[in-house]
Amino acid sequence: MPRSKAKPKKKIKRRQSRPHLGLYILAAIVVIIIMWLLLRNPYEVPEAVQEKVTTTLQYREQRRANRKTTPQEEDTHGVEEYSPEAPIVAPKPREGETQIDLTIRLVADKLGVPKQSVRRRKQDGVIRFHIPIDRSQMDLTFANMIFKGELEAIGADFISGEEQRNRQLLKFQFAKMEEHYEIDLYYDTSIYKDMVVNKAVTIVVDDFGGISGSLLDGFFELDPAITFAIFPDEPHSVATMQRASKQGRETIIHVPMEPIGYPRINPGKNAILLQHNPAQISKMLGNFINQLPDAIGINNHMGSLATTDPYVMQAVMNTLSEHGLAFLDSRTSNVSVAYQIAQKSHVKAYRNDLFLDSPDISNKTMEAKLKQIITLSHAQDNIIAITHCHNQEKLEYLKTFITRLKEAGFTIIPLSRVGEYRVPEIL
């Protein structure tokens, strides 16, 4: 019996949804109107944006409030008490300047403008700041928005704004002041040719615990992003940790370890040696951690032999893993295995890139180290450097070094933020 042919199925035509041309036209008109309004009066900042912009000083207060500090109840051995609410090394206005001038300079610094390029002039009742902007990194209108928001937040009344091709001039008036302020923003890329962008340096200062008095005070006046490495079992170890915690500064434990040439070369008391078994190493580290509980990790003092021994380093990392602490390899040996073992043990690990004060603290050494940091920044976003706190000369050297780094465009960040830094924190 012949098969009946199946009726061909009717093709169902589906209407393809097409975008409505009218919606596109309407959206384009809205965008054009918005752009016209912005170009017509680029100085009016939306309230929603103004609410996001806080003054630089308020921003620092917020950072302090967000830090988790662990107040200690032990005796501070006469160390001056520092409350978390106290200002963090707030810079002072220059001679003849006001807090308003300081705020303008702080904002310029946050925007990455080299300090030496910010010029201030006072004439005929007008205080004018000339501030160059890198066209490749920032639009003048964005810089205008930041300055306007910051100054209004400290009580400024915006008077007017003028715009030229590559320049914007903002005028402000402050209550009870005869003078008014002007901020001249203009493009100038030439001053940025030797600057680094979005690069950070972490500085760790070793050997705290033995120093006190005015020398220790001087180090606490440094940028609070600088990390202190503290020896355990020293007269001022606990007090230094407590003071750093109250200031919001990070600390790590500076653990003595066996060097090549031991015992002729002495790493200090309670050092981790190759002869120690895992249980002994765990007990020693546990005592250090209990003594300095605010520390976020450890780094090695000496240890040119200990850091090359995988068994010793594995015992160290096991203990750090149990306590959730990090390890900074000071890299006193070119064949150290500490960093690799820390990574395999899932311990947050860091590596030192250079010692700032080696072989000395001469101007020649400073220039060589600065050049080395700039070279390293071409290949990596974060550089870690170690120096020491032994005397006033090293402190002055470090102060100058920090100034030079910031003038070159680097941002100082604490150890815990290595790998996280990408852009300046302005908003």
Protein backbone atom coordinates (compact mmCIF):
# COMPACT_ATOMS: atom_id res chain seq x y z
CA MET A 1 0.00 0.00 0.00
CA PRO A 2 1.61 3.26 -1.05
CA ARG A 3 2.56 5.62 1.76
CA SER A 4 0.69 8.85 1.86
CA LYS A 5 2.97 11.81 1.52
CA ALA A 6 3.19 13.90 4.64
CA LYS A 7 1.97 17.40 4.17
CA PRO A 8 4.85 19.83 4.23
CA LYS A 9 4.92 21.87 7.40
CA LYS A 10 4.19 25.47 6.97
CA LYS A 11 7.08 27.67 7.74
CA ILE A 12 6.24 29.96 10.57
CA LYS A 13 7.67 33.36 10.01
CA ARG A 14 8.80 34.90 13.21
CA ARG A 15 8.87 38.62 13.45
CA GLN A 16 12.33 39.67 14.32
CA SER A 17 12.34 42.24 17.02
CA ARG A 18 14.04 45.31 15.72
CA PRO A 19 15.27 48.16 17.83
CA HIS A 20 13.01 51.15 17.78
CA LEU A 21 14.75 53.88 15.87
CA GLY A 22 12.83 56.49 17.76
CA LEU A 23 14.37 55.42 21.09
CA TYR A 24 17.86 55.79 19.66
CA ILE A 25 17.08 59.25 18.36
CA LEU A 26 15.59 60.28 21.71
CA ALA A 27 18.66 58.97 23.59
CA ALA A 28 20.98 60.84 21.23
CA ILE A 29 19.07 64.08 21.79
CA VAL A 30 19.32 63.66 25.58
CA VAL A 31 23.07 63.03 25.38
CA ILE A 32 23.58 66.08 23.16
CA ILE A 33 21.62 68.28 25.59
CA ILE A 34 23.66 67.02 28.56
CA MET A 35 26.96 67.60 26.75
CA TRP A 36 25.82 71.10 25.75
CA LEU A 37 24.97 71.93 29.36
CA LEU A 38 28.32 70.64 30.60
CA LEU A 39 30.27 72.60 28.01
CA ARG A 40 28.20 75.70 28.67
CA ASN A 41 28.86 75.62 32.43
CA PRO A 42 31.44 72.94 33.28
CA TYR A 43 31.92 74.21 36.82
CA GLU A 44 28.54 73.19 38.23
CA VAL A 45 29.13 69.86 39.94
CA PRO A 46 26.04 67.64 40.48
CA GLU A 47 25.02 67.30 44.13
CA ALA A 48 25.40 63.52 43.93
CA VAL A 49 29.06 63.96 42.96
CA GLN A 50 29.65 66.61 45.60
CA GLU A 51 28.37 64.22 48.25
CA LYS A 52 30.98 61.66 47.19
CA VAL A 53 33.86 64.13 47.40
CA THR A 54 35.21 64.71 50.91
CA THR A 55 38.08 66.89 51.96
CA THR A 56 41.47 65.29 52.08
CA LEU A 57 41.63 65.74 55.83
CA GLN A 58 38.17 64.17 56.24
CA TYR A 59 39.31 61.32 54.02
CA ARG A 60 42.20 60.63 56.36
CA GLU A 61 39.86 60.73 59.34
CA GLN A 62 37.64 58.15 57.64
CA ARG A 63 40.64 55.91 56.95
CA ARG A 64 41.60 56.10 60.63
CA ALA A 65 38.05 55.31 61.75
CA ASN A 66 37.90 52.29 59.44
CA ARG A 67 41.15 50.82 60.69
CA LYS A 68 40.75 47.95 63.11
CA THR A 69 43.02 48.60 66.07
CA THR A 70 43.45 46.39 69.05
CA PRO A 71 43.97 48.53 72.16
CA GLN A 72 46.36 46.92 74.58
CA GLU A 73 45.99 47.18 78.35
CA GLU A 74 49.63 46.41 79.19
CA ASP A 75 51.97 49.02 80.60
CA THR A 76 53.34 51.26 77.84
CA HIS A 77 56.57 51.92 79.76
CA GLY A 78 56.04 55.68 79.73
CA VAL A 79 55.37 55.95 76.00
CA GLU A 80 53.11 58.86 75.13
CA GLU A 81 49.53 57.74 74.51
CA TYR A 82 48.28 58.20 70.93
CA SER A 83 44.52 58.01 70.41
CA PRO A 84 43.08 56.77 67.08
CA GLU A 85 41.30 60.11 66.75
CA ALA A 86 44.55 62.09 66.81
CA PRO A 87 45.71 63.48 63.43
CA ILE A 88 48.08 61.23 61.50
CA VAL A 89 51.22 63.32 61.00
CA ALA A 90 49.12 66.13 59.49
CA PRO A 91 51.41 68.46 57.52
CA LYS A 92 51.52 72.11 58.57
CA PRO A 93 50.98 75.10 56.27
CA ARG A 94 54.12 76.78 55.04
CA GLU A 95 55.16 80.12 56.47
CA GLY A 96 52.65 82.78 55.46
CA GLU A 97 50.08 80.23 54.32
CA THR A 98 46.72 79.20 55.76
CA GLN A 99 44.90 75.92 56.25
CA ILE A 100 43.16 76.68 52.94
CA ASP A 101 46.52 76.70 51.18
CA LEU A 102 47.39 73.41 52.82
CA THR A 103 44.12 71.85 51.63
CA ILE A 104 44.82 72.95 48.06
CA ARG A 105 48.29 71.44 48.21
CA LEU A 106 46.97 68.18 49.67
CA VAL A 107 44.39 67.87 46.89
CA ALA A 108 47.05 68.54 44.25
CA ASP A 109 49.20 65.86 45.86
CA LYS A 110 46.31 63.38 45.75
CA LEU A 111 45.87 64.13 42.06
CA GLY A 112 49.52 63.25 41.50
CA VAL A 113 50.77 66.77 40.79
CA PRO A 114 54.48 67.11 41.68
CA LYS A 115 54.86 69.27 44.79
CA GLN A 116 57.52 71.48 43.24
CA SER A 117 55.20 72.28 40.30
CA VAL A 118 52.43 73.81 42.42
CA ARG A 119 53.03 77.56 42.46
CA ARG A 120 51.34 80.10 44.78
CA ARG A 121 51.20 83.85 44.16
CA LYS A 122 49.56 86.63 46.15
CA GLN A 123 48.85 89.98 44.50
CA ASP A 124 46.20 92.70 44.86
CA GLY A 125 44.03 90.73 47.28
CA VAL A 126 44.14 87.56 45.17
CA ILE A 127 45.84 84.30 46.16
CA ARG A 128 46.31 82.26 43.01
CA PHE A 129 47.55 78.67 42.72
CA HIS A 130 48.91 77.51 39.37
CA ILE A 131 48.47 73.74 39.06
CA PRO A 132 49.66 71.75 36.00
CA ILE A 133 47.64 68.69 34.96
CA ASP A 134 48.85 65.70 32.94
CA ARG A 135 46.52 65.51 29.93
CA SER A 136 47.21 61.81 29.42
CA GLN A 137 46.01 60.97 32.95
CA MET A 138 43.27 63.47 33.77
CA ASP A 139 40.78 65.86 32.23
CA LEU A 140 40.75 69.49 33.39
CA THR A 141 37.04 69.25 34.19
CA PHE A 142 37.65 66.28 36.47
CA ALA A 143 40.42 68.14 38.32
CA ASN A 144 38.11 71.17 38.50
CA MET A 145 35.37 69.01 40.04
CA ILE A 146 37.73 67.66 42.72
CA PHE A 147 39.09 71.06 43.74
CA LYS A 148 35.63 72.64 43.76
CA GLY A 149 34.20 69.87 45.92
CA GLU A 150 37.12 69.90 48.35
CA LEU A 151 37.11 73.68 48.86
CA GLU A 152 33.35 73.95 49.22
CA ALA A 153 33.54 71.21 51.84
CA ILE A 154 35.75 73.47 54.00
CA GLY A 155 33.52 76.52 53.62
CA ALA A 156 34.44 78.12 50.30
CA ASP A 157 31.86 79.96 48.19
CA PHE A 158 32.31 79.35 44.48
CA ILE A 159 32.30 82.74 42.71
CA SER A 160 32.85 81.94 39.05
CA GLY A 161 34.80 79.96 36.53
CA GLU A 162 36.49 80.83 33.26
CA GLU A 163 37.48 78.43 30.54
CA GLN A 164 40.00 78.73 27.76
CA ARG A 165 41.24 76.12 25.33
CA ASN A 166 43.69 74.37 27.67
CA ARG A 167 42.97 76.20 30.91
CA GLN A 168 40.30 76.56 33.57
CA LEU A 169 40.29 79.27 36.24
CA LEU A 170 38.21 78.79 39.40
CA LYS A 171 37.45 81.65 41.81
CA PHE A 172 36.48 81.17 45.47
CA GLN A 173 35.67 83.40 48.41
CA PHE A 174 35.94 82.48 52.08
CA ALA A 175 33.88 84.16 54.80
CA LYS A 176 35.69 86.84 56.86
CA MET A 177 38.59 86.93 54.36
CA GLU A 178 39.36 89.98 52.27
CA GLU A 179 41.39 88.02 49.77
CA HIS A 180 39.78 85.59 47.39
CA TYR A 181 41.35 82.41 45.99
CA GLU A 182 41.88 81.43 42.39
CA ILE A 183 42.95 78.03 41.10
CA ASP A 184 44.51 78.04 37.65
CA LEU A 185 44.34 74.54 36.15
CA TYR A 186 46.22 74.01 32.88
CA TYR A 187 47.68 71.20 30.79
CA ASP A 188 51.44 70.70 30.98
CA THR A 189 52.72 67.21 30.21
CA SER A 190 56.40 68.19 30.13
CA ILE A 191 56.79 68.05 33.92
CA TYR A 192 55.38 64.52 34.00
CA LYS A 193 57.80 62.94 31.54
CA ASP A 194 59.98 61.50 34.33
CA MET A 195 57.04 60.63 36.59
CA VAL A 196 55.66 57.19 37.26
CA VAL A 197 51.91 56.58 37.22
CA ASN A 198 49.96 54.31 39.56
CA LYS A 199 53.13 52.90 41.11
CA ALA A 200 53.60 52.21 44.80
CA VAL A 201 56.48 51.65 47.19
CA THR A 202 56.26 49.79 50.48
CA ILE A 203 58.93 50.70 53.02
CA VAL A 204 59.67 48.42 55.98
CA VAL A 205 61.89 49.78 58.74
CA ASP A 206 63.69 46.98 60.62
CA ASP A 207 65.13 46.61 64.13
CA PHE A 208 62.58 48.39 66.34
CA GLY A 209 62.35 47.34 69.97
CA GLY A 210 65.67 48.66 71.19
CA ILE A 211 65.23 52.38 70.48
CA SER A 212 63.10 54.88 72.43
CA GLY A 213 62.88 58.57 73.21
CA SER A 214 63.24 61.29 70.58
CA LEU A 215 64.64 58.89 67.97
CA LEU A 216 61.57 56.67 68.20
CA ASP A 217 59.34 59.77 68.18
CA GLY A 218 60.98 60.83 64.92
CA PHE A 219 60.18 57.55 63.21
CA PHE A 220 56.56 57.78 64.37
CA GLU A 221 56.32 61.15 62.60
CA LEU A 222 56.93 59.41 59.25
CA ASP A 223 54.15 58.56 56.81
CA PRO A 224 51.82 56.13 58.67
CA ALA A 225 51.85 53.81 55.65
CA ILE A 226 55.43 52.83 56.52
CA THR A 227 55.61 49.42 58.21
CA PHE A 228 57.69 48.82 61.35
CA ALA A 229 59.48 45.47 61.89
CA ILE A 230 59.93 44.92 65.64
CA PHE A 231 62.37 42.60 67.38
CA PRO A 232 60.71 40.41 70.04
CA ASP A 233 62.13 40.27 73.57
CA GLU A 234 63.52 43.83 73.54
CA PRO A 235 62.85 46.50 76.20
CA HIS A 236 60.56 48.60 73.98
CA SER A 237 59.10 45.91 71.71
CA VAL A 238 55.58 45.78 73.15
CA ALA A 239 55.36 49.54 73.70
CA THR A 240 56.39 50.22 70.08
CA MET A 241 53.76 47.78 68.78
CA GLN A 242 51.05 49.37 70.95
CA ARG A 243 51.91 52.87 69.83
CA ALA A 244 51.97 51.80 66.18
CA SER A 245 48.57 50.13 66.52
CA LYS A 246 47.04 53.24 68.06
CA GLN A 247 48.44 55.27 65.18
CA GLY A 248 46.99 52.84 62.63
CA ARG A 249 50.45 51.74 61.51
CA GLU A 250 51.18 48.14 60.49
CA THR A 251 53.84 46.12 62.28
CA ILE A 252 55.55 42.79 61.65
CA ILE A 253 57.79 40.68 63.89
CA HIS A 254 61.48 40.86 63.02
CA VAL A 255 62.53 37.27 63.70
CA PRO A 256 66.26 36.50 64.13
CA MET A 257 67.41 33.55 61.99
CA GLU A 258 70.68 31.76 61.48
CA PRO A 259 73.12 33.45 59.08
CA ILE A 260 75.99 31.94 57.15
CA GLY A 261 78.97 32.17 59.52
CA TYR A 262 77.03 31.39 62.69
CA PRO A 263 78.11 31.39 65.55
CA ARG A 264 80.85 33.81 64.58
CA ILE A 265 78.08 36.06 63.24
CA ASN A 266 75.48 36.41 65.96
CA PRO A 267 71.83 36.95 64.85
CA GLY A 268 70.76 37.84 68.40
CA LYS A 269 68.87 36.10 71.16
CA ASN A 270 66.22 33.46 70.51
CA ALA A 271 67.16 33.04 66.86
CA ILE A 272 65.74 30.23 64.71
CA LEU A 273 68.61 27.85 63.94
CA LEU A 274 69.02 24.87 61.65
CA GLN A 275 69.46 22.62 64.70
CA HIS A 276 65.90 23.39 65.87
CA ASN A 277 63.17 20.86 65.10
CA PRO A 278 59.65 21.86 63.95
CA ALA A 279 58.23 21.71 67.48
CA GLN A 280 60.93 24.05 68.80
CA ILE A 281 60.42 26.49 65.90
CA SER A 282 56.67 26.46 66.43
CA LYS A 283 57.08 27.17 70.14
CA MET A 284 59.53 30.03 69.55
CA LEU A 285 57.34 31.69 66.91
CA GLY A 286 54.28 31.17 69.07
CA ASN A 287 55.97 33.05 71.92
CA PHE A 288 56.86 35.92 69.58
CA ILE A 289 53.31 36.11 68.24
CA ASN A 290 51.82 36.12 71.75
CA GLN A 291 54.19 38.89 72.71
CA LEU A 292 53.40 41.04 69.63
CA PRO A 293 49.80 40.07 68.78
CA ASP A 294 49.05 43.10 66.57
CA ALA A 295 51.69 42.13 64.01
CA ILE A 296 50.34 41.13 60.59
CA GLY A 297 53.29 38.83 59.86
CA ILE A 298 57.03 38.36 60.21
CA ASN A 299 60.24 38.96 58.30
CA ASN A 300 63.69 37.51 58.84
CA HIS A 301 66.60 39.25 60.57
CA MET A 302 69.79 37.91 58.96
CA GLY A 303 68.84 34.30 58.10
CA SER A 304 71.10 33.93 55.06
CA LEU A 305 71.41 30.23 55.97
CA ALA A 306 68.05 29.51 57.60
CA THR A 307 66.04 30.87 54.65
CA THR A 308 67.83 28.46 52.31
CA ASP A 309 66.80 25.38 54.33
CA PRO A 310 63.44 23.98 53.14
CA TYR A 311 62.81 22.04 56.37
CA VAL A 312 63.28 25.06 58.60
CA MET A 313 61.20 27.26 56.31
CA GLN A 314 58.41 24.70 56.15
CA ALA A 315 58.21 24.66 59.95
CA VAL A 316 58.05 28.47 59.95
CA MET A 317 55.27 28.56 57.34
CA ASN A 318 53.23 25.90 59.13
CA THR A 319 53.14 28.09 62.24
CA LEU A 320 52.33 31.25 60.28
CA SER A 321 49.52 29.42 58.51
CA GLU A 322 48.01 28.38 61.83
CA HIS A 323 47.96 32.01 63.00
CA GLY A 324 46.92 33.56 59.66
CA LEU A 325 50.09 35.65 59.39
CA ALA A 326 52.13 36.76 56.39
CA PHE A 327 55.82 36.34 55.58
CA LEU A 328 58.17 38.93 54.11
CA ASP A 329 61.38 37.42 52.78
CA SER A 330 64.07 40.00 53.51
CA ARG A 331 66.17 38.20 50.87
CA THR A 332 69.46 38.17 52.70
CA SER A 333 70.37 35.24 50.45
CA ASN A 334 70.11 34.96 46.66
CA VAL A 335 69.12 31.31 47.02
CA SER A 336 66.40 31.76 49.63
CA VAL A 337 63.52 29.27 49.37
CA ALA A 338 61.30 31.08 51.89
CA TYR A 339 59.03 32.84 49.40
CA GLN A 340 58.32 29.71 47.36
CA ILE A 341 57.61 27.59 50.44
CA ALA A 342 55.31 30.30 51.82
CA GLN A 343 53.32 30.25 48.59
CA LYS A 344 53.07 26.47 48.60
CA SER A 345 51.89 26.61 52.21
CA HIS A 346 49.18 29.16 51.30
CA VAL A 347 50.85 31.83 53.44
CA LYS A 348 50.58 35.36 52.10
CA ALA A 349 54.12 36.11 50.99
CA TYR A 350 56.17 39.14 49.98
CA ARG A 351 59.75 39.64 48.81
CA ASN A 352 62.11 42.51 49.52
CA ASP A 353 63.41 44.21 46.36
CA LEU A 354 66.24 46.27 47.84
CA PHE A 355 67.83 47.68 51.00
CA LEU A 356 67.69 51.48 50.96
CA ASP A 357 70.61 52.04 53.36
CA SER A 358 73.08 49.55 51.94
CA PRO A 359 76.03 49.91 51.64
CA ASP A 360 75.70 53.36 53.28
CA ILE A 361 73.42 56.41 53.48
CA SER A 362 75.37 58.74 51.21
CA ASN A 363 73.83 60.93 48.51
CA LYS A 364 75.41 58.66 45.93
CA THR A 365 73.63 55.65 47.41
CA MET A 366 70.31 57.52 47.50
CA GLU A 367 70.56 58.44 43.82
CA ALA A 368 71.46 54.86 42.90
CA LYS A 369 68.55 53.42 44.92
CA LEU A 370 66.06 55.91 43.44
CA LYS A 371 67.19 54.98 39.96
CA GLN A 372 66.84 51.29 40.84
CA ILE A 373 63.27 51.79 42.14
CA ILE A 374 62.25 53.69 39.01
CA THR A 375 63.73 50.93 36.85
CA LEU A 376 61.88 48.25 38.84
CA SER A 377 58.62 50.19 38.47
CA HIS A 378 58.70 49.62 34.71
CA ALA A 379 58.18 45.91 35.32
CA GLN A 380 56.09 45.84 38.52
CA ASP A 381 53.43 47.99 40.16
CA ASN A 382 54.67 47.55 43.74
CA ILE A 383 58.23 47.76 45.05
CA ILE A 384 59.20 46.68 48.57
CA ALA A 385 62.24 48.25 50.25
CA ILE A 386 63.80 47.70 53.67
CA THR A 387 65.83 50.12 55.78
CA HIS A 388 66.79 50.41 59.47
CA CYS A 389 66.13 52.61 62.52
CA HIS A 390 69.54 52.61 64.21
CA ASN A 391 70.26 56.35 64.50
CA GLN A 392 69.16 59.90 63.67
CA GLU A 393 71.23 59.92 60.46
CA LYS A 394 69.23 56.98 59.08
CA LEU A 395 65.99 58.76 60.00
CA GLU A 396 66.99 61.94 58.15
CA TYR A 397 68.12 59.87 55.16
CA LEU A 398 64.76 58.11 55.08
CA LYS A 399 62.83 61.39 55.34
CA THR A 400 64.64 62.74 52.30
CA PHE A 401 64.21 59.46 50.45
CA ILE A 402 60.43 59.50 51.04
CA THR A 403 60.20 63.08 49.77
CA ARG A 404 62.10 62.17 46.62
CA LEU A 405 59.89 59.13 46.02
CA LYS A 406 56.70 61.17 46.30
CA GLU A 407 58.09 63.88 44.04
CA ALA A 408 58.74 61.16 41.46
CA GLY A 409 55.09 60.15 41.62
CA PHE A 410 55.23 57.10 43.88
CA THR A 411 52.63 56.42 46.56
CA ILE A 412 53.70 54.89 49.88
CA ILE A 413 51.46 51.98 50.86
CA PRO A 414 51.55 49.56 53.82
CA LEU A 415 52.74 46.00 53.37
CA SER A 416 49.25 44.48 53.49
CA ARG A 417 48.22 46.46 50.41
CA VAL A 418 50.99 45.18 48.14
CA GLY A 419 49.31 43.74 45.06
CA GLU A 420 46.08 45.68 45.65
CA TYR A 421 47.22 49.19 44.72
CA ARG A 422 46.13 50.39 41.30
CA VAL A 423 44.87 53.99 41.33
CA PRO A 424 45.11 56.89 43.80
CA GLU A 425 42.33 56.99 46.41
CA ILE A 426 40.70 60.35 45.73
CA LEU A 427 36.99 59.65 45.94
